[in-house]
C-alpha cells in the first residue's frame, strides 16, 4: 500500500467512525428525550365534606283490622283521626299530609296442624301516610316519638326516615375540583422528591360521588353510594390523574 493510499484509508476510517459516533449520539439523545417525554406520574386525589340534610320525609303505615272490609276501613278512619291530630300538633295540617291508596289483606284461619286454611276470618286495612319538611330536626324528633300514638290504640308502623340534601348539583362540581387539586398537589410532591418538575395533565378520570353517613366505615364502591338514612352525611369525590414529568 502506497503512502497516499494509506492516508486515504485512514481518512476514510476516521470519517466513517465519526459518522457512526454522530449517529450514536443523535440516537441516544433521541432515546433520552423520548423516555423523558413518556415518563408520567399517575395519582389519585380525593376531597371530603360534611353536609347536613336539608329535607326529611317521615313515612309510615296505619293498619286496622275488621271482620269485613267495611269494618276494617271504618277502624282505619278512626285511627287516621288520631294520627292527623298528632301531626297537626307538630305543625302539619291535613293538606300537608300525603296518602297512599288503601289496601285490604285477607287474614286466614290457621288449622290445628299449623297450616293456613281457606277460611277468611277478617281483613287488615292498610294505608301509608307521609309528611316532609325542611325542618329536618323536627322530623328527626318525630320519628323517635311518633310511636307514642300507640297509647291511643293506633297501629302505626313507621318506615326508616329519609334524609336528602337538595343542593348536590353545585356541591358535586366544587368537591370534584377540590379532588383534582389534591391530585395535582400529590403529583407535584412526588415530582419534587425525585428532582423533577411536574408537566402538563395527560389524562383525568372522575370517580363516582359517594354520599355516606357521617363517620361511616362503609366500603366505597364503583357504583356509588347515596345514603338517605342519615341526617348528617359526608360527601366524597375521587379524581385520578396522569401528569407528565420534565
Protein backbone atom coordinates (compact mmCIF):
# COMPACT_ATOMS: atom_id res chain seq x y z
CA UNK A 1 0.00 0.00 0.00
CA UNK A 2 1.42 3.38 -1.01
CA UNK A 3 1.68 6.30 1.42
CA UNK A 4 -1.09 8.10 -0.46
CA UNK A 5 -3.38 5.08 -0.28
CA UNK A 6 -2.61 4.62 3.44
CA UNK A 7 -3.55 8.20 4.21
CA UNK A 8 -6.78 7.80 2.23
CA UNK A 9 -7.68 4.66 4.11
CA UNK A 10 -7.07 6.28 7.50
CA UNK A 11 -9.07 9.33 6.48
CA UNK A 12 -12.00 7.23 5.32
CA UNK A 13 -11.85 5.19 8.50
CA UNK A 14 -11.91 8.31 10.69
CA UNK A 15 -14.77 9.73 8.66
CA UNK A 16 -16.78 6.53 8.94
CA UNK A 17 -16.11 6.37 12.67
CA UNK A 18 -17.25 9.98 13.01
CA UNK A 19 -20.47 9.26 11.15
CA UNK A 20 -21.17 6.25 13.36
CA UNK A 21 -20.36 8.24 16.50
CA UNK A 22 -22.59 11.11 15.42
CA UNK A 23 -25.44 8.70 14.66
CA UNK A 24 -24.98 7.09 18.09
CA UNK A 25 -25.05 10.48 19.83
CA UNK A 26 -28.16 11.58 17.94
CA UNK A 27 -29.88 8.23 18.57
CA UNK A 28 -29.02 8.27 22.25
CA UNK A 29 -30.19 11.86 22.61
CA UNK A 30 -33.48 10.98 20.87
CA UNK A 31 -34.00 7.99 23.11
CA UNK A 32 -33.28 10.03 26.23
CA UNK A 33 -35.64 12.78 25.15
CA UNK A 34 -38.32 10.28 24.16
CA UNK A 35 -38.04 8.46 27.50
CA UNK A 36 -38.30 11.74 29.38
CA UNK A 37 -41.32 12.75 27.37
CA UNK A 38 -43.02 9.43 28.06
CA UNK A 39 -42.40 9.50 31.79
CA UNK A 40 -45.58 10.16 33.75
CA UNK A 41 -46.91 10.21 37.29
CA UNK A 42 -50.33 8.72 38.00
CA UNK A 43 -52.04 9.77 41.22
CA UNK A 44 -55.45 9.72 42.86
CA UNK A 45 -56.76 12.74 44.70
CA UNK A 46 -59.76 12.97 46.96
CA UNK A 47 -61.87 15.53 48.78
CA UNK A 48 -64.47 15.18 51.51
CA UNK A 49 -67.04 17.48 53.05
CA UNK A 50 -69.52 17.12 55.86
CA UNK A 51 -73.11 18.05 55.00
CA UNK A 52 -76.39 18.16 56.88
CA UNK A 53 -79.57 17.04 55.13
CA UNK A 54 -81.97 19.87 54.27
CA UNK A 55 -85.10 17.82 53.54
CA UNK A 56 -86.58 14.95 55.54
CA UNK A 57 -89.51 12.61 54.88
CA UNK A 58 -91.40 10.76 57.60
CA UNK A 59 -93.46 7.85 56.33
CA UNK A 60 -95.40 5.07 58.00
CA UNK A 61 -98.40 2.75 57.68
CA UNK A 62 -101.65 2.65 59.62
CA UNK A 63 -103.10 -0.84 59.95
CA UNK A 64 -106.65 -1.58 61.10
CA UNK A 65 -108.43 -4.92 61.45
CA UNK A 66 -112.06 -5.80 60.84
CA UNK A 67 -114.09 -8.91 60.21
CA UNK A 68 -115.23 -7.32 56.95
CA UNK A 69 -113.65 -4.85 54.55
CA UNK A 70 -116.14 -2.19 55.62
CA UNK A 71 -115.40 -2.68 59.32
CA UNK A 72 -111.63 -2.61 58.70
CA UNK A 73 -111.98 0.59 56.69
CA UNK A 74 -114.04 2.28 59.42
CA UNK A 75 -111.45 1.31 62.02
CA UNK A 76 -108.75 2.73 59.78
CA UNK A 77 -110.59 6.05 59.54
CA UNK A 78 -110.77 6.25 63.33
CA UNK A 79 -107.07 5.57 63.70
CA UNK A 80 -106.28 8.13 61.00
CA UNK A 81 -108.01 10.82 63.09
CA UNK A 82 -105.54 10.18 65.92
CA UNK A 83 -102.56 10.26 63.54
CA UNK A 84 -103.69 13.51 61.93
CA UNK A 85 -104.24 15.03 65.36
CA UNK A 86 -100.67 14.13 66.30
CA UNK A 87 -99.28 15.59 63.06
CA UNK A 88 -101.36 18.75 63.46
CA UNK A 89 -99.87 19.24 66.90
CA UNK A 90 -96.44 19.15 65.25
CA UNK A 91 -97.39 21.81 62.70
CA UNK A 92 -98.55 19.62 59.81
CA UNK A 93 -102.10 20.38 58.73
CA UNK A 94 -104.01 17.71 56.83
CA UNK A 95 -103.31 19.32 53.46
CA UNK A 96 -99.58 18.73 54.11
CA UNK A 97 -100.10 15.00 54.54
CA UNK A 98 -99.81 12.64 51.58
CA UNK A 99 -101.71 9.36 51.46
CA UNK A 100 -101.29 6.16 49.53
CA UNK A 101 -104.26 4.16 48.30
CA UNK A 102 -105.99 1.91 50.83
CA UNK A 103 -105.14 -1.79 50.57
CA UNK A 104 -107.01 -4.77 52.04
CA UNK A 105 -105.33 -8.02 53.01
CA UNK A 106 -107.37 -11.10 53.97
CA UNK A 107 -106.48 -12.88 57.20
CA UNK A 108 -106.99 -16.64 57.03
CA UNK A 109 -107.76 -19.04 59.85
CA UNK A 110 -104.99 -21.38 60.93
CA UNK A 111 -105.70 -25.10 61.13
CA UNK A 112 -104.72 -27.17 64.21
CA UNK A 113 -101.77 -28.56 62.27
CA UNK A 114 -100.43 -25.02 61.80
CA UNK A 115 -101.35 -24.82 58.12
CA UNK A 116 -103.32 -21.92 56.69
CA UNK A 117 -106.93 -22.68 55.83
CA UNK A 118 -109.03 -21.18 53.05
CA UNK A 119 -111.39 -19.56 55.55
CA UNK A 120 -111.11 -15.77 55.81
CA UNK A 121 -111.65 -14.61 59.37
CA UNK A 122 -111.05 -10.90 58.75
CA UNK A 123 -109.18 -8.22 56.89
CA UNK A 124 -106.31 -5.83 57.53
CA UNK A 125 -106.80 -2.41 56.01
CA UNK A 126 -103.51 -0.58 55.39
CA UNK A 127 -102.75 2.97 54.29
CA UNK A 128 -99.41 4.74 54.13
CA UNK A 129 -99.05 8.40 55.04
CA UNK A 130 -96.08 10.71 54.78
CA UNK A 131 -95.02 14.26 55.56
CA UNK A 132 -91.88 16.12 54.55
CA UNK A 133 -90.19 19.21 55.87
CA UNK A 134 -87.03 21.26 55.58
CA UNK A 135 -87.01 21.32 59.37
CA UNK A 136 -85.04 18.10 59.44
CA UNK A 137 -84.51 18.16 63.18
CA UNK A 138 -88.25 18.31 63.80
CA UNK A 139 -88.79 15.30 61.53
CA UNK A 140 -85.95 13.51 63.26
CA UNK A 141 -87.56 14.03 66.65
CA UNK A 142 -90.97 12.99 65.34
CA UNK A 143 -89.50 9.75 64.02
CA UNK A 144 -88.46 8.98 67.58
CA UNK A 145 -91.67 9.80 69.45
CA UNK A 146 -94.45 9.11 66.92
CA UNK A 147 -94.67 5.62 68.39
CA UNK A 148 -96.39 7.22 71.40
CA UNK A 149 -99.69 7.28 69.46
CA UNK A 150 -99.88 3.53 70.13
CA UNK A 151 -101.19 4.56 73.56
CA UNK A 152 -104.30 5.80 71.73
CA UNK A 153 -104.88 2.41 70.17
CA UNK A 154 -103.28 3.33 66.84
CA UNK A 155 -101.36 0.66 64.97
CA UNK A 156 -98.77 2.79 63.20
CA UNK A 157 -95.58 1.28 61.75
CA UNK A 158 -93.01 3.91 60.79
CA UNK A 159 -90.61 3.35 57.92
CA UNK A 160 -86.98 4.49 58.19
CA UNK A 161 -86.96 8.28 57.94
CA UNK A 162 -85.44 9.57 54.68
CA UNK A 163 -82.98 12.46 54.65
CA UNK A 164 -81.97 14.28 51.48
CA UNK A 165 -79.54 17.02 50.52
CA UNK A 166 -81.07 19.07 47.73
CA UNK A 167 -78.06 21.21 46.72
CA UNK A 168 -75.90 18.39 45.39
CA UNK A 169 -75.54 19.70 41.83
CA UNK A 170 -73.32 22.66 42.71
CA UNK A 171 -71.59 20.84 45.54
CA UNK A 172 -70.52 18.00 43.24
CA UNK A 173 -68.74 20.45 40.93
CA UNK A 174 -66.95 22.11 43.85
CA UNK A 175 -65.81 18.91 45.51
CA UNK A 176 -64.61 17.35 42.26
CA UNK A 177 -62.48 20.46 41.68
CA UNK A 178 -61.03 20.04 45.16
CA UNK A 179 -60.23 16.38 44.46
CA UNK A 180 -58.50 17.35 41.19
CA UNK A 181 -56.42 19.95 43.04
CA UNK A 182 -55.47 17.33 45.62
CA UNK A 183 -54.34 15.00 42.81
CA UNK A 184 -52.13 17.73 41.35
CA UNK A 185 -50.61 18.52 44.76
CA UNK A 186 -49.78 14.85 45.26
CA UNK A 187 -48.14 14.65 41.83
CA UNK A 188 -46.10 17.81 42.50
CA UNK A 189 -44.77 16.37 45.76
CA UNK A 190 -43.74 13.14 44.01
CA UNK A 191 -42.01 15.05 41.19
CA UNK A 192 -40.20 17.31 43.66
CA UNK A 193 -38.99 14.31 45.67
CA UNK A 194 -37.26 12.99 42.51
CA UNK A 195 -35.83 16.40 41.48
CA UNK A 196 -38.20 16.70 38.55
CA UNK A 197 -40.75 19.27 37.51
CA UNK A 198 -44.38 18.39 37.00
CA UNK A 199 -45.54 18.56 33.41
CA UNK A 200 -49.00 19.05 31.96
CA UNK A 201 -52.00 16.89 32.75
CA UNK A 202 -52.17 13.98 30.28
CA UNK A 203 -55.45 12.41 31.34
CA UNK A 204 -58.02 12.53 34.15
CA UNK A 205 -60.92 10.40 35.31
CA UNK A 206 -63.64 11.45 37.71
CA UNK A 207 -64.73 8.78 40.16
CA UNK A 208 -68.30 8.26 41.32
CA UNK A 209 -69.52 10.65 44.01
CA UNK A 210 -70.05 8.86 47.32
CA UNK A 211 -72.51 10.09 49.96
CA UNK A 212 -72.25 8.17 53.21
CA UNK A 213 -73.35 8.57 56.80
CA UNK A 214 -71.02 10.75 58.84
CA UNK A 215 -68.04 8.79 60.20
CA UNK A 216 -69.26 5.74 58.31
CA UNK A 217 -66.88 2.87 57.64
CA UNK A 218 -68.93 1.71 54.68
CA UNK A 219 -66.71 0.46 51.88
CA UNK A 220 -66.56 2.72 48.83
CA UNK A 221 -67.62 1.03 45.59
CA UNK A 222 -67.53 1.78 41.87
CA UNK A 223 -71.30 2.14 41.65
CA UNK A 224 -71.50 4.99 44.14
CA UNK A 225 -73.30 5.31 47.46
CA UNK A 226 -76.13 7.71 48.16
CA UNK A 227 -77.12 7.39 51.80
CA UNK A 228 -80.64 8.67 52.57
CA UNK A 229 -81.00 7.26 56.07
CA UNK A 230 -78.68 9.65 57.94
CA UNK A 231 -79.29 13.23 58.96
CA UNK A 232 -75.59 14.08 58.89
CA UNK A 233 -73.57 12.84 55.93
CA UNK A 234 -70.20 13.04 54.22
CA UNK A 235 -69.72 13.54 50.50
CA UNK A 236 -66.52 12.22 48.93
CA UNK A 237 -65.12 12.76 45.45
CA UNK A 238 -62.17 10.96 43.85
CA UNK A 239 -60.19 12.06 40.78
CA UNK A 240 -57.43 10.04 39.11
CA UNK A 241 -54.93 11.98 37.02
CA UNK A 242 -51.82 11.30 34.95
CA UNK A 243 -49.21 14.06 34.63
CA UNK A 244 -46.09 14.33 32.53
CA UNK A 245 -42.73 15.00 34.19
CA UNK A 246 -39.97 17.29 32.94
